[in-house]
C-alpha atoms as a PDB file:
ATOM      1  CA  MET A   1     125.728  96.749  59.618  1.00  0.00           C
ATOM      2  CA  GLU A   2     127.197 100.012  58.304  1.00  0.00           C
ATOM      3  CA  LEU A   3     125.165 102.004  60.831  1.00  0.00           C
ATOM      4  CA  ARG A   4     126.407  99.779  63.658  1.00  0.00           C
ATOM      5  CA  ARG A   5     130.015 100.301  62.609  1.00  0.00           C
ATOM      6  CA  GLU A   6     129.477 104.065  62.640  1.00  0.00           C
ATOM      7  CA  ASN A   7     128.008 103.921  66.163  1.00  0.00           C
ATOM      8  CA  GLY A   8     130.490 101.442  67.598  1.00  0.00           C
ATOM      9  CA  PRO A   9     130.466  97.701  68.360  1.00  0.00           C
ATOM     10  CA  GLU A  10     128.257  98.106  71.447  1.00  0.00           C
ATOM     11  CA  SER A  11     125.397  99.769  69.554  1.00  0.00           C
ATOM     12  CA  LEU A  12     121.949  98.166  69.758  1.00  0.00           C
ATOM     13  CA  GLY A  13     119.250  97.961  67.105  1.00  0.00           C
ATOM     14  CA  ILE A  14     115.591  97.097  66.520  1.00  0.00           C
ATOM     15  CA  ILE A  15     114.067  95.985  63.227  1.00  0.00           C
ATOM     16  CA  PHE A  16     110.280  96.374  63.044  1.00  0.00           C
ATOM     17  CA  VAL A  17     108.437  93.989  60.726  1.00  0.00           C
ATOM     18  CA  GLN A  18     104.806  93.523  59.755  1.00  0.00           C
ATOM     19  CA  THR A  19     104.121  89.905  60.768  1.00  0.00           C
ATOM     20  CA  ARG A  20     105.294  87.282  63.223  1.00  0.00           C
ATOM     21  CA  ALA A  21     106.235  85.032  60.301  1.00  0.00           C
ATOM     22  CA  THR A  22     108.608  87.685  58.927  1.00  0.00           C
ATOM     23  CA  CYS A  23     109.939  88.236  62.438  1.00  0.00           C
ATOM     24  CA  TYR A  24     111.058  84.635  62.894  1.00  0.00           C
ATOM     25  CA  ALA A  25     112.217  84.214  59.288  1.00  0.00           C
ATOM     26  CA  LEU A  26     114.502  87.255  59.534  1.00  0.00           C
ATOM     27  CA  ARG A  27     115.827  86.153  62.933  1.00  0.00           C
ATOM     28  CA  ASP A  28     116.700  82.690  61.594  1.00  0.00           C
ATOM     29  CA  TRP A  29     118.325  84.188  58.496  1.00  0.00           C
ATOM     30  CA  LEU A  30     120.551  86.414  60.631  1.00  0.00           C
ATOM     31  CA  ARG A  31     121.451  83.610  63.030  1.00  0.00           C
ATOM     32  CA  HIS A  32     122.527  81.308  60.176  1.00  0.00           C
ATOM     33  CA  SER A  33     124.189  83.970  58.048  1.00  0.00           C
ATOM     34  CA  THR A  34     127.574  83.203  56.488  1.00  0.00           C
ATOM     35  CA  ASN A  35     128.620  86.613  57.789  1.00  0.00           C
ATOM     36  CA  GLU A  36     130.123  86.119  61.248  1.00  0.00           C
ATOM     37  CA  GLU A  37     129.474  89.771  62.145  1.00  0.00           C
ATOM     38  CA  MET A  38     125.751  89.199  61.619  1.00  0.00           C
ATOM     39  CA  ARG A  39     125.736  85.984  63.645  1.00  0.00           C
ATOM     40  CA  CYS A  40     127.410  87.801  66.551  1.00  0.00           C
ATOM     41  CA  LEU A  41     124.390  90.096  66.830  1.00  0.00           C
ATOM     42  CA  ASN A  42     122.542  87.229  68.573  1.00  0.00           C
ATOM     43  CA  ALA A  43     119.339  88.402  66.905  1.00  0.00           C
ATOM     44  CA  GLU A  44     116.146  87.578  68.801  1.00  0.00           C
ATOM     45  CA  ALA A  45     112.467  87.697  67.826  1.00  0.00           C
ATOM     46  CA  PHE A  46     110.147  89.832  69.955  1.00  0.00           C
ATOM     47  CA  THR A  47     106.392  89.308  69.507  1.00  0.00           C
ATOM     48  CA  GLY A  48     103.225  89.874  71.504  1.00  0.00           C
ATOM     49  CA  ILE A  49     101.727  87.812  74.310  1.00  0.00           C
ATOM     50  CA  GLY A  50      98.245  87.806  72.757  1.00  0.00           C
ATOM     51  CA  ALA A  51      98.979  84.939  70.342  1.00  0.00           C
ATOM     52  CA  ARG A  52      99.550  81.324  71.286  1.00  0.00           C
ATOM     53  CA  GLU A  53     103.053  79.872  71.201  1.00  0.00           C
ATOM     54  CA  ASP A  54     102.111  77.770  68.154  1.00  0.00           C
ATOM     55  CA  ASP A  55     101.211  80.993  66.334  1.00  0.00           C
ATOM     56  CA  GLY A  56     104.481  82.746  67.172  1.00  0.00           C
ATOM     57  CA  GLY A  57     103.501  84.429  70.429  1.00  0.00           C
ATOM     58  CA  ILE A  58     105.737  84.588  73.511  1.00  0.00           C
ATOM     59  CA  THR A  59     104.997  84.860  77.224  1.00  0.00           C
ATOM     60  CA  GLN A  60     105.413  87.903  79.467  1.00  0.00           C
ATOM     61  CA  SER A  61     108.415  86.304  81.190  1.00  0.00           C
ATOM     62  CA  GLU A  62     110.041  85.595  77.812  1.00  0.00           C
ATOM     63  CA  GLN A  63     109.527  89.239  76.827  1.00  0.00           C
ATOM     64  CA  ASN A  64     111.159  90.419  80.049  1.00  0.00           C
ATOM     65  CA  ALA A  65     114.081  88.024  79.563  1.00  0.00           C
ATOM     66  CA  ILE A  66     114.709  89.291  76.021  1.00  0.00           C
ATOM     67  CA  ILE A  67     114.559  92.936  77.141  1.00  0.00           C
ATOM     68  CA  GLY A  68     116.980  92.152  79.985  1.00  0.00           C
ATOM     69  CA  ARG A  69     119.524  90.531  77.662  1.00  0.00           C
ATOM     70  CA  PHE A  70     119.092  93.413  75.205  1.00  0.00           C
ATOM     71  CA  ARG A  71     119.774  95.910  77.984  1.00  0.00           C
ATOM     72  CA  ASP A  72     122.880  93.981  79.043  1.00  0.00           C
ATOM     73  CA  GLY A  73     124.185  93.875  75.477  1.00  0.00           C
ATOM     74  CA  LYS A  74     123.996  90.083  75.175  1.00  0.00           C
ATOM     75  CA  ILE A  75     121.492  90.601  72.377  1.00  0.00           C
ATOM     76  CA  LYS A  76     122.535  93.299  69.912  1.00  0.00           C
ATOM     77  CA  LEU A  77     119.492  93.170  67.674  1.00  0.00           C
ATOM     78  CA  ILE A  78     115.769  92.608  68.208  1.00  0.00           C
ATOM     79  CA  ILE A  79     113.382  91.837  65.358  1.00  0.00           C
ATOM     80  CA  ALA A  80     109.970  92.922  66.590  1.00  0.00           C
ATOM     81  CA  THR A  81     106.360  93.266  65.560  1.00  0.00           C
ATOM     82  CA  SER A  82     104.303  96.357  66.410  1.00  0.00           C
ATOM     83  CA  VAL A  83     104.159  95.252  70.083  1.00  0.00           C
ATOM     84  CA  ALA A  84     107.539  96.946  70.678  1.00  0.00           C
ATOM     85  CA  GLU A  85     106.436 100.310  69.262  1.00  0.00           C
ATOM     86  CA  GLU A  86     104.917 101.526  72.522  1.00  0.00           C
ATOM     87  CA  GLY A  87     104.178 100.639  76.111  1.00  0.00           C
ATOM     88  CA  LEU A  88     107.229  98.457  76.780  1.00  0.00           C
ATOM     89  CA  ASP A  89     110.373  99.462  78.655  1.00  0.00           C
ATOM     90  CA  ILE A  90     112.854  98.696  75.886  1.00  0.00           C
ATOM     91  CA  PRO A  91     116.291 100.295  76.370  1.00  0.00           C
ATOM     92  CA  GLU A  92     117.478 103.065  74.102  1.00  0.00           C
ATOM     93  CA  CYS A  93     119.238 101.935  70.951  1.00  0.00           C
ATOM     94  CA  ASN A  94     121.252 103.446  68.123  1.00  0.00           C
ATOM     95  CA  VAL A  95     119.526 101.987  65.077  1.00  0.00           C
ATOM     96  CA  VAL A  96     115.824 101.518  64.340  1.00  0.00           C
ATOM     97  CA  ILE A  97     114.831 100.029  60.986  1.00  0.00           C
ATOM     98  CA  ARG A  98     111.302  99.485  59.750  1.00  0.00           C
ATOM     99  CA  TYR A  99     111.331  96.651  57.245  1.00  0.00           C
ATOM    100  CA  ASN A 100     108.369  97.289  54.908  1.00  0.00           C
ATOM    101  CA  ARG A 101     106.452  98.256  58.056  1.00  0.00           C
ATOM    102  CA  ILE A 102     104.247 101.324  58.159  1.00  0.00           C
ATOM    103  CA  GLY A 103     101.581 102.595  60.532  1.00  0.00           C
ATOM    104  CA  ASN A 104     100.140 106.070  60.942  1.00  0.00           C
ATOM    105  CA  ASP A 105     101.602 109.415  61.935  1.00  0.00           C
ATOM    106  CA  ILE A 106     101.498 108.480  65.639  1.00  0.00           C
ATOM    107  CA  THR A 107     103.387 105.186  65.216  1.00  0.00           C
ATOM    108  CA  THR A 108     105.913 107.028  63.049  1.00  0.00           C
ATOM    109  CA  VAL A 109     106.752 109.276  66.011  1.00  0.00           C
ATOM    110  CA  GLN A 110     106.697 106.369  68.489  1.00  0.00           C
ATOM    111  CA  THR A 111     109.002 104.193  66.383  1.00  0.00           C
ATOM    112  CA  ARG A 112     111.398 107.062  65.822  1.00  0.00           C
ATOM    113  CA  GLY A 113     111.493 107.549  69.595  1.00  0.00           C
ATOM    114  CA  ARG A 114     113.097 104.133  70.030  1.00  0.00           C
ATOM    115  CA  SER A 115     116.401 105.530  68.663  1.00  0.00           C
ATOM    116  CA  ARG A 116     116.885 107.975  71.535  1.00  0.00           C
ATOM    117  CA  LYS A 117     120.628 107.615  71.973  1.00  0.00           C
ATOM    118  CA  TRP A 118     122.831 110.460  70.766  1.00  0.00           C
ATOM    119  CA  GLY A 119     123.436 109.966  67.063  1.00  0.00           C
ATOM    120  CA  GLY A 120     120.664 107.392  66.811  1.00  0.00           C
ATOM    121  CA  VAL A 121     119.173 106.705  63.397  1.00  0.00           C
ATOM    122  CA  SER A 122     115.652 105.662  62.371  1.00  0.00           C
ATOM    123  CA  LEU A 123     115.071 104.621  58.786  1.00  0.00           C
ATOM    124  CA  LEU A 124     112.597 102.826  56.567  1.00  0.00           C
ATOM    125  CA  LEU A 125     113.272 100.063  54.055  1.00  0.00           C
ATOM    126  CA  GLY A 126     110.196  99.510  51.929  1.00  0.00           C
ATOM    127  CA  SER A 127     108.422  99.469  48.612  1.00  0.00           C
ATOM    128  CA  LYS A 128     107.573 102.692  46.772  1.00  0.00           C
ATOM    129  CA  GLU A 129     104.020 102.667  48.130  1.00  0.00           C
ATOM    130  CA  ILE A 130     105.238 102.211  51.706  1.00  0.00           C
ATOM    131  CA  VAL A 131     107.727 105.077  51.339  1.00  0.00           C
ATOM    132  CA  GLN A 132     105.013 107.395  49.981  1.00  0.00           C
ATOM    133  CA  ARG A 133     102.753 106.605  52.931  1.00  0.00           C
ATOM    134  CA  GLU A 134     105.644 107.295  55.296  1.00  0.00           C
ATOM    135  CA  GLN A 135     106.234 110.682  53.676  1.00  0.00           C
ATOM    136  CA  THR A 136     102.582 111.493  54.343  1.00  0.00           C
ATOM    137  CA  ASN A 137     102.982 110.375  57.961  1.00  0.00           C
ATOM    138  CA  VAL A 138     106.038 112.618  58.390  1.00  0.00           C
ATOM    139  CA  LYS A 139     104.068 115.635  57.112  1.00  0.00           C
ATOM    140  CA  ARG A 140     101.190 114.812  59.447  1.00  0.00           C
ATOM    141  CA  SER A 141     103.510 114.429  62.427  1.00  0.00           C
ATOM    142  CA  LYS A 142     104.945 117.890  61.693  1.00  0.00           C
ATOM    143  CA  MET A 143     101.416 119.313  61.517  1.00  0.00           C
ATOM    144  CA  MET A 144     100.641 117.562  64.807  1.00  0.00           C
ATOM    145  CA  THR A 145     103.703 119.109  66.454  1.00  0.00           C
ATOM    146  CA  GLU A 146     102.755 122.578  65.189  1.00  0.00           C
ATOM    147  CA  ALA A 147      99.184 122.118  66.434  1.00  0.00           C
ATOM    148  CA  ILE A 148     100.435 121.130  69.899  1.00  0.00           C
ATOM    149  CA  GLN A 149     102.666 124.201  70.019  1.00  0.00           C
ATOM    150  CA  GLN A 150      99.730 126.443  69.103  1.00  0.00           C
ATOM    151  CA  ILE A 151      97.493 124.835  71.729  1.00  0.00           C
ATOM    152  CA  GLN A 152     100.175 125.297  74.390  1.00  0.00           C
ATOM    153  CA  LYS A 153     100.075 129.043  73.736  1.00  0.00           C
ATOM    154  CA  LEU A 154      96.367 129.198  74.626  1.00  0.00           C
ATOM    155  CA  PRO A 155      95.174 130.038  78.158  1.00  0.00           C
ATOM    156  CA  GLN A 156      94.406 126.922  80.189  1.00  0.00           C
ATOM    157  CA  GLN A 157      90.768 128.017  80.551  1.00  0.00           C
ATOM    158  CA  ASP A 158      90.322 128.052  76.748  1.00  0.00           C
ATOM    159  CA  ILE A 159      91.974 124.625  76.458  1.00  0.00           C
ATOM    160  CA  ASP A 160      89.651 123.132  79.088  1.00  0.00           C
ATOM    161  CA  LEU A 161      86.620 124.652  77.333  1.00  0.00           C
ATOM    162  CA  ARG A 162      87.597 123.255  73.936  1.00  0.00           C
ATOM    163  CA  ILE A 163      88.299 119.800  75.375  1.00  0.00           C
ATOM    164  CA  SER A 164      84.894 119.811  77.057  1.00  0.00           C
ATOM    165  CA  GLN A 165      83.209 120.761  73.770  1.00  0.00           C
ATOM    166  CA  TYR A 166      85.022 117.998  71.870  1.00  0.00           C
ATOM    167  CA  GLN A 167      84.058 115.448  74.531  1.00  0.00           C
ATOM    168  CA  ARG A 168      80.373 116.392  74.367  1.00  0.00           C
ATOM    169  CA  GLU A 169      80.420 116.170  70.555  1.00  0.00           C
ATOM    170  CA  ALA A 170      82.183 112.781  70.682  1.00  0.00           C
ATOM    171  CA  ILE A 171      79.632 111.397  73.173  1.00  0.00           C
ATOM    172  CA  LYS A 172      76.774 112.698  71.015  1.00  0.00           C
ATOM    173  CA  ASP A 173      78.236 111.037  67.905  1.00  0.00           C
ATOM    174  CA  MET A 174      78.617 107.736  69.792  1.00  0.00           C
ATOM    175  CA  GLU A 175      75.005 107.895  71.000  1.00  0.00           C
ATOM    176  CA  ILE A 176      73.775 108.548  67.451  1.00  0.00           C
ATOM    177  CA  GLU A 177      75.829 105.647  66.122  1.00  0.00           C
ATOM    178  CA  GLU A 178      74.492 103.296  68.807  1.00  0.00           C
ATOM    179  CA  ALA A 179      70.917 104.407  68.088  1.00  0.00           C
ATOM    180  CA  ALA A 180      71.431 103.767  64.370  1.00  0.00           C
ATOM    181  CA  LYS A 181      72.777 100.262  65.040  1.00  0.00           C
ATOM    182  CA  LYS A 182      69.884  99.490  67.371  1.00  0.00           C
ATOM    183  CA  SER A 183      67.379 100.762  64.809  1.00  0.00           C
ATOM    184  CA  MET A 184      68.893  98.580  62.084  1.00  0.00           C
ATOM    185  CA  SER A 185      68.766  95.568  64.394  1.00  0.00           C
ATOM    186  CA  GLU A 186      65.124  96.182  65.276  1.00  0.00           C
ATOM    187  CA  GLU A 187      64.230  96.479  61.595  1.00  0.00           C
ATOM    188  CA  LYS A 188      65.423  92.931  60.864  1.00  0.00           C
ATOM    189  CA  ILE A 189      62.661  90.524  59.824  1.00  0.00           C
ATOM    190  CA  ASN A 190      62.127  87.553  62.131  1.00  0.00           C
ATOM    191  CA  ALA A 191      61.229  85.029  59.442  1.00  0.00           C
ATOM    192  CA  HIS A 192      62.357  81.626  58.208  1.00  0.00           C
ATOM    193  CA  PHE A 193      64.710  81.413  55.213  1.00  0.00           C
ATOM    194  CA  ILE A 194      67.013  78.987  53.450  1.00  0.00           C
ATOM    195  CA  LEU A 195      70.541  79.583  52.193  1.00  0.00           C
ATOM    196  CA  GLN A 196      71.363  77.679  49.018  1.00  0.00           C
ATOM    197  CA  CYS A 197      74.760  77.253  47.343  1.00  0.00           C
ATOM    198  CA  ALA A 198      74.778  79.868  44.600  1.00  0.00           C
ATOM    199  CA  THR A 199      76.585  77.569  42.148  1.00  0.00           C
ATOM    200  CA  CYS A 200      75.136  74.056  42.334  1.00  0.00           C
ATOM    201  CA  ARG A 201      71.850  74.868  44.125  1.00  0.00           C
ATOM    202  CA  GLU A 202      72.180  71.560  45.997  1.00  0.00           C
ATOM    203  CA  LEU A 203      73.743  72.419  49.351  1.00  0.00           C
ATOM    204  CA  THR A 204      71.318  74.179  51.702  1.00  0.00           C
ATOM    205  CA  VAL A 205      71.411  75.666  55.184  1.00  0.00           C
ATOM    206  CA  ASP A 206      68.237  76.200  57.224  1.00  0.00           C
ATOM    207  CA  SER A 207      68.019  79.491  59.122  1.00  0.00           C
ATOM    208  CA  LYS A 208      67.186  77.560  62.320  1.00  0.00           C
ATOM    209  CA  HIS A 209      70.795  76.297  62.261  1.00  0.00           C
ATOM    210  CA  ILE A 210      72.400  79.740  61.837  1.00  0.00           C
ATOM    211  CA  ARG A 211      73.697  81.755  64.811  1.00  0.00           C
ATOM    212  CA  ILE A 212      75.792  84.860  65.426  1.00  0.00           C
ATOM    213  CA  LEU A 213      79.043  84.121  67.250  1.00  0.00           C
ATOM    214  CA  HIS A 214      80.612  87.000  69.226  1.00  0.00           C
ATOM    215  CA  LYS A 215      78.304  89.529  67.510  1.00  0.00           C
ATOM    216  CA  MET A 216      80.520  89.140  64.468  1.00  0.00           C
ATOM    217  CA  TYR A 217      80.422  85.762  62.738  1.00  0.00           C
ATOM    218  CA  ARG A 218      77.402  83.982  61.213  1.00  0.00           C
ATOM    219  CA  VAL A 219      78.028  80.304  61.886  1.00  0.00           C
ATOM    220  CA  ILE A 220      76.278  76.964  61.322  1.00  0.00           C
ATOM    221  CA  ILE A 221      75.455  74.707  64.269  1.00  0.00           C
ATOM    222  CA  ASP A 222      74.148  71.783  62.176  1.00  0.00           C
ATOM    223  CA  PRO A 223      76.691  68.922  62.564  1.00  0.00           C
ATOM    224  CA  ASN A 224      75.471  67.364  59.291  1.00  0.00           C
ATOM    225  CA  PHE A 225      76.653  70.406  57.323  1.00  0.00           C
ATOM    226  CA  MET A 226      80.286  69.226  57.319  1.00  0.00           C
ATOM    227  CA  GLU A 227      79.263  66.064  55.427  1.00  0.00           C
ATOM    228  CA  ASN A 228      78.482  68.229  52.389  1.00  0.00           C
ATOM    229  CA  VAL A 229      81.701  70.242  52.244  1.00  0.00           C
ATOM    230  CA  LYS A 230      85.413  69.775  51.645  1.00  0.00           C
ATOM    231  CA  ILE A 231      88.194  71.434  53.599  1.00  0.00           C
ATOM    232  CA  GLY A 232      90.529  73.349  51.316  1.00  0.00           C
ATOM    233  CA  ILE A 233      93.970  74.892  51.651  1.00  0.00           C
ATOM    234  CA  CYS A 234      94.037  78.484  52.881  1.00  0.00           C
ATOM    235  CA  LYS A 235      97.130  80.465  51.893  1.00  0.00           C
ATOM    236  CA  ILE A 236      96.294  83.258  54.335  1.00  0.00           C
ATOM    237  CA  SER A 237      97.842  82.930  57.805  1.00  0.00           C
ATOM    238  CA  PRO A 238      95.243  82.051  60.489  1.00  0.00           C
ATOM    239  CA  LYS A 239      93.964  85.052  62.438  1.00  0.00           C
ATOM    240  CA  ILE A 240      92.932  84.931  66.086  1.00  0.00           C
ATOM    241  CA  ILE A 241      90.395  87.542  67.205  1.00  0.00           C
ATOM    242  CA  ASP A 242      88.804  87.405  70.670  1.00  0.00           C
ATOM    243  CA  GLY A 243      89.937  83.802  71.069  1.00  0.00           C
ATOM    244  CA  ILE A 244      88.399  82.736  67.747  1.00  0.00           C
ATOM    245  CA  GLU A 245      90.807  81.310  65.185  1.00  0.00           C
ATOM    246  CA  GLU A 246      89.945  81.656  61.510  1.00  0.00           C
ATOM    247  CA  ALA A 247      91.262  78.383  60.104  1.00  0.00           C
ATOM    248  CA  GLU A 248      90.844  76.466  56.839  1.00  0.00           C
ATOM    249  CA  LYS A 249      88.393  77.459  54.156  1.00  0.00           C
ATOM    250  CA  ILE A 250      85.449  75.243  53.232  1.00  0.00           C
ATOM    251  CA  VAL A 251      84.081  74.542  49.752  1.00  0.00           C
ATOM    252  CA  CYS A 252      80.973  72.800  48.485  1.00  0.00           C
ATOM    253  CA  LYS A 253      81.619  69.084  47.922  1.00  0.00           C
ATOM    254  CA  ARG A 254      79.590  69.102  44.691  1.00  0.00           C
ATOM    255  CA  CYS A 255      80.739  72.253  42.894  1.00  0.00           C
ATOM    256  CA  ARG A 256      83.794  73.463  44.885  1.00  0.00           C
ATOM    257  CA  ASN A 257      82.126  76.830  45.502  1.00  0.00           C
ATOM    258  CA  TYR A 258      83.819  78.713  48.349  1.00  0.00           C
ATOM    259  CA  LEU A 259      81.436  78.789  51.333  1.00  0.00           C
ATOM    260  CA  GLY A 260      83.406  80.351  54.187  1.00  0.00           C
ATOM    261  CA  ARG A 261      86.027  79.533  56.816  1.00  0.00           C
ATOM    262  CA  LEU A 262      86.197  77.147  59.740  1.00  0.00           C
ATOM    263  CA  LEU A 263      86.281  78.926  63.092  1.00  0.00           C
ATOM    264  CA  LYS A 264      87.938  77.211  66.056  1.00  0.00           C
ATOM    265  CA  TYR A 265      86.611  78.305  69.427  1.00  0.00           C
ATOM    266  CA  ARG A 266      86.994  76.562  72.800  1.00  0.00           C
ATOM    267  CA  GLY A 267      87.564  73.157  71.263  1.00  0.00           C
ATOM    268  CA  CYS A 268      84.640  73.396  68.832  1.00  0.00           C
ATOM    269  CA  ILE A 269      84.653  73.981  65.095  1.00  0.00           C
ATOM    270  CA  PHE A 270      82.060  76.360  63.677  1.00  0.00           C
ATOM    271  CA  PRO A 271      81.634  76.710  59.875  1.00  0.00           C
ATOM    272  CA  SER A 272      81.202  80.394  59.089  1.00  0.00           C
ATOM    273  CA  ILE A 273      78.977  81.600  56.246  1.00  0.00           C
ATOM    274  CA  ALA A 274      80.208  83.744  53.359  1.00  0.00           C
ATOM    275  CA  ILE A 275      76.788  85.150  52.443  1.00  0.00           C
ATOM    276  CA  ASN A 276      77.902  86.174  48.930  1.00  0.00           C
ATOM    277  CA  SER A 277      78.435  82.473  48.107  1.00  0.00           C
ATOM    278  CA  TYR A 278      74.776  81.657  48.755  1.00  0.00           C
ATOM    279  CA  GLN A 279      71.389  82.733  47.524  1.00  0.00           C
ATOM    280  CA  CYS A 280      68.669  83.405  50.065  1.00  0.00           C
ATOM    281  CA  ILE A 281      65.241  81.811  49.584  1.00  0.00           C
ATOM    282  CA  THR A 282      62.170  82.847  51.594  1.00  0.00           C
ATOM    283  CA  ASP A 283      59.128  80.700  52.389  1.00  0.00           C
ATOM    284  CA  GLY A 284      57.434  82.517  49.521  1.00  0.00           C
ATOM    285  CA  ASN A 285      60.184  81.235  47.153  1.00  0.00           C
ATOM    286  CA  GLN A 286      61.623  84.710  46.669  1.00  0.00           C
ATOM    287  CA  VAL A 287      65.299  84.339  45.736  1.00  0.00           C
ATOM    288  CA  THR A 288      67.810  87.099  46.579  1.00  0.00           C
ATOM    289  CA  HIS A 289      71.593  87.312  46.522  1.00  0.00           C
ATOM    290  CA  TYR A 290      73.286  89.424  49.207  1.00  0.00           C
ATOM    291  CA  LYS A 291      76.929  90.459  49.041  1.00  0.00           C
ATOM    292  CA  LYS A 292      77.136  91.346  52.739  1.00  0.00           C
ATOM    293  CA  TRP A 293      75.335  90.167  55.848  1.00  0.00           C
ATOM    294  CA  LYS A 294      74.344  93.695  56.809  1.00  0.00           C
ATOM    295  CA  LYS A 295      72.270  93.836  53.630  1.00  0.00           C
ATOM    296  CA  CYS A 296      70.387  90.688  54.582  1.00  0.00           C
ATOM    297  CA  PRO A 297      67.031  91.760  56.117  1.00  0.00           C
ATOM    298  CA  PHE A 298      66.481  88.618  58.183  1.00  0.00           C
ATOM    299  CA  LEU A 299      67.097  88.341  61.898  1.00  0.00           C
ATOM    300  CA  VAL A 300      69.767  85.855  62.993  1.00  0.00           C
ATOM    301  CA  GLN A 301      69.778  84.807  66.641  1.00  0.00           C
ATOM    302  CA  GLY A 302      72.907  85.080  68.766  1.00  0.00           C
ATOM    303  CA  MET A 303      74.592  82.017  70.271  1.00  0.00           C
ATOM    304  CA  GLU A 304      72.861  80.934  73.470  1.00  0.00           C
ATOM    305  CA  VAL A 305      74.142  78.719  76.274  1.00  0.00           C
ATOM    306  CA  ASP A 306      72.111  75.771  74.932  1.00  0.00           C
ATOM    307  CA  ASP A 307      73.732  76.203  71.511  1.00  0.00           C
ATOM    308  CA  TYR A 308      77.207  75.997  73.034  1.00  0.00           C
ATOM    309  CA  LYS A 309      76.184  72.919  75.061  1.00  0.00           C
ATOM    310  CA  TYR A 310      74.839  71.302  71.889  1.00  0.00           C
ATOM    311  CA  MET A 311      78.113  71.906  70.022  1.00  0.00           C
ATOM    312  CA  PHE A 312      80.225  70.689  72.958  1.00  0.00           C
ATOM    313  CA  ASP A 313      78.079  67.543  73.182  1.00  0.00           C
ATOM    314  CA  GLN A 314      78.690  66.876  69.496  1.00  0.00           C
ATOM    315  CA  VAL A 315      82.451  67.132  70.069  1.00  0.00           C
ATOM    316  CA  ALA A 316      82.199  64.746  73.036  1.00  0.00           C
ATOM    317  CA  GLU A 317      80.221  62.218  70.938  1.00  0.00           C
ATOM    318  CA  ASP A 318      82.797  62.420  68.142  1.00  0.00           C
ATOM    319  CA  ASN A 319      85.601  61.791  70.637  1.00  0.00           C
ATOM    320  CA  GLU A 320      83.809  58.750  72.085  1.00  0.00           C
ATOM    321  CA  ALA A 321      83.075  57.212  68.668  1.00  0.00           C
ATOM    322  CA  PRO A 322      85.403  54.325  67.639  1.00  0.00           C
ATOM    323  CA  PHE A 323      88.131  55.309  65.243  1.00  0.00           C
ATOM    324  CA  ASP A 324      87.469  54.050  61.683  1.00  0.00           C
ATOM    325  CA  ASN A 325      90.887  53.808  60.071  1.00  0.00           C
ATOM    326  CA  ASP A 326      89.565  52.892  56.596  1.00  0.00           C
ATOM    327  CA  ALA A 327      87.140  55.814  56.593  1.00  0.00           C
ATOM    328  CA  ALA A 328      89.855  58.189  57.789  1.00  0.00           C
ATOM    329  CA  CYS A 329      92.249  57.049  55.043  1.00  0.00           C
ATOM    330  CA  LYS A 330      89.526  57.431  52.408  1.00  0.00           C
ATOM    331  CA  GLN A 331      88.698  60.946  53.629  1.00  0.00           C
ATOM    332  CA  PHE A 332      92.394  61.867  53.523  1.00  0.00           C
ATOM    333  CA  ASP A 333      92.746  60.493  49.965  1.00  0.00           C
ATOM    334  CA  ASP A 334      89.631  62.378  48.848  1.00  0.00           C
ATOM    335  CA  ASN A 335      90.959  65.622  50.315  1.00  0.00           C
ATOM    336  CA  GLU A 336      94.360  65.134  48.675  1.00  0.00           C
ATOM    337  CA  LYS A 337      92.677  64.391  45.351  1.00  0.00           C
ATOM    338  CA  ASP A 338      90.569  67.541  45.452  1.00  0.00           C
ATOM    339  CA  ILE A 339      93.091  69.822  47.139  1.00  0.00           C
ATOM    340  CA  ASP A 340      94.024  71.772  43.988  1.00  0.00           C
ATOM    341  CA  GLU A 341      90.436  72.312  42.951  1.00  0.00           C
ATOM    342  CA  ALA A 342      89.537  73.425  46.457  1.00  0.00           C
ATOM    343  CA  SER A 343      92.437  75.892  46.452  1.00  0.00           C
ATOM    344  CA  VAL A 344      91.097  77.498  43.282  1.00  0.00           C
END
């Protein structure tokens, strides 16, 4: 507010925050402030279009409307996530504040560029660790500027030659990395195995029911698996990556051992596997514990069309089944009873 007074009543500002939750919380706090000067800012949240509306995302038209009102001065302050750091035509403003928000040396320069008006100010409000990282970013941005100045002094022919050399080296590194990944994949053992809960040794998952979803998640396609687990509270905000939402965590019904997260994808729920919560048993009864999937030597098949059809059919059957109110109430009571244990 002091910076706005210094720059005049028509000055505009942006506050960058880390999460959408912080974005909306800060907007609501400003809108309902006891300070009339703060309420008159007409603060508005500005988030990305990649997330659903339920998760705090906004549409392209809503983004354009907010930018238009900001340009006209109807909105004096925008609280934004990283989406406003680059690539959007946001008008120049006087004040840019990063609220415990830090990126790298490039985003430091980009964020600072939002305060392009004469006398504009860009500042950081953050913890000691955040401030130290920002100081490092400032030093790196200065080094980057000096490097650009030195490159600009070189003859264009030398610049083109160096760029060509860097491109060839980058392509070579990518080819080596791809070859290494392919080699690791080919070395996987195509054999049957069982995953067993590492705590109670009762819950098991057969390898024939394990698939790789989106080349990233190991999931279970056995509908009977959910009968042996409880759904627990997850204090971490759901993440959506490539249309897959990481939802509640699942724990073993017998021992409350954490087993993974539920993944929601195209109307289906896939239990993911936290491999470090299981022990792996081969047909020869060899027992091994792996902390990461990449250490597991066994081949896991990717999701095929038939697997998706099977999961969708299971959802359709569940929807057609008659609703059992008594069973639903009992399941709810059981979950409420075990909710604290599951959280632990």
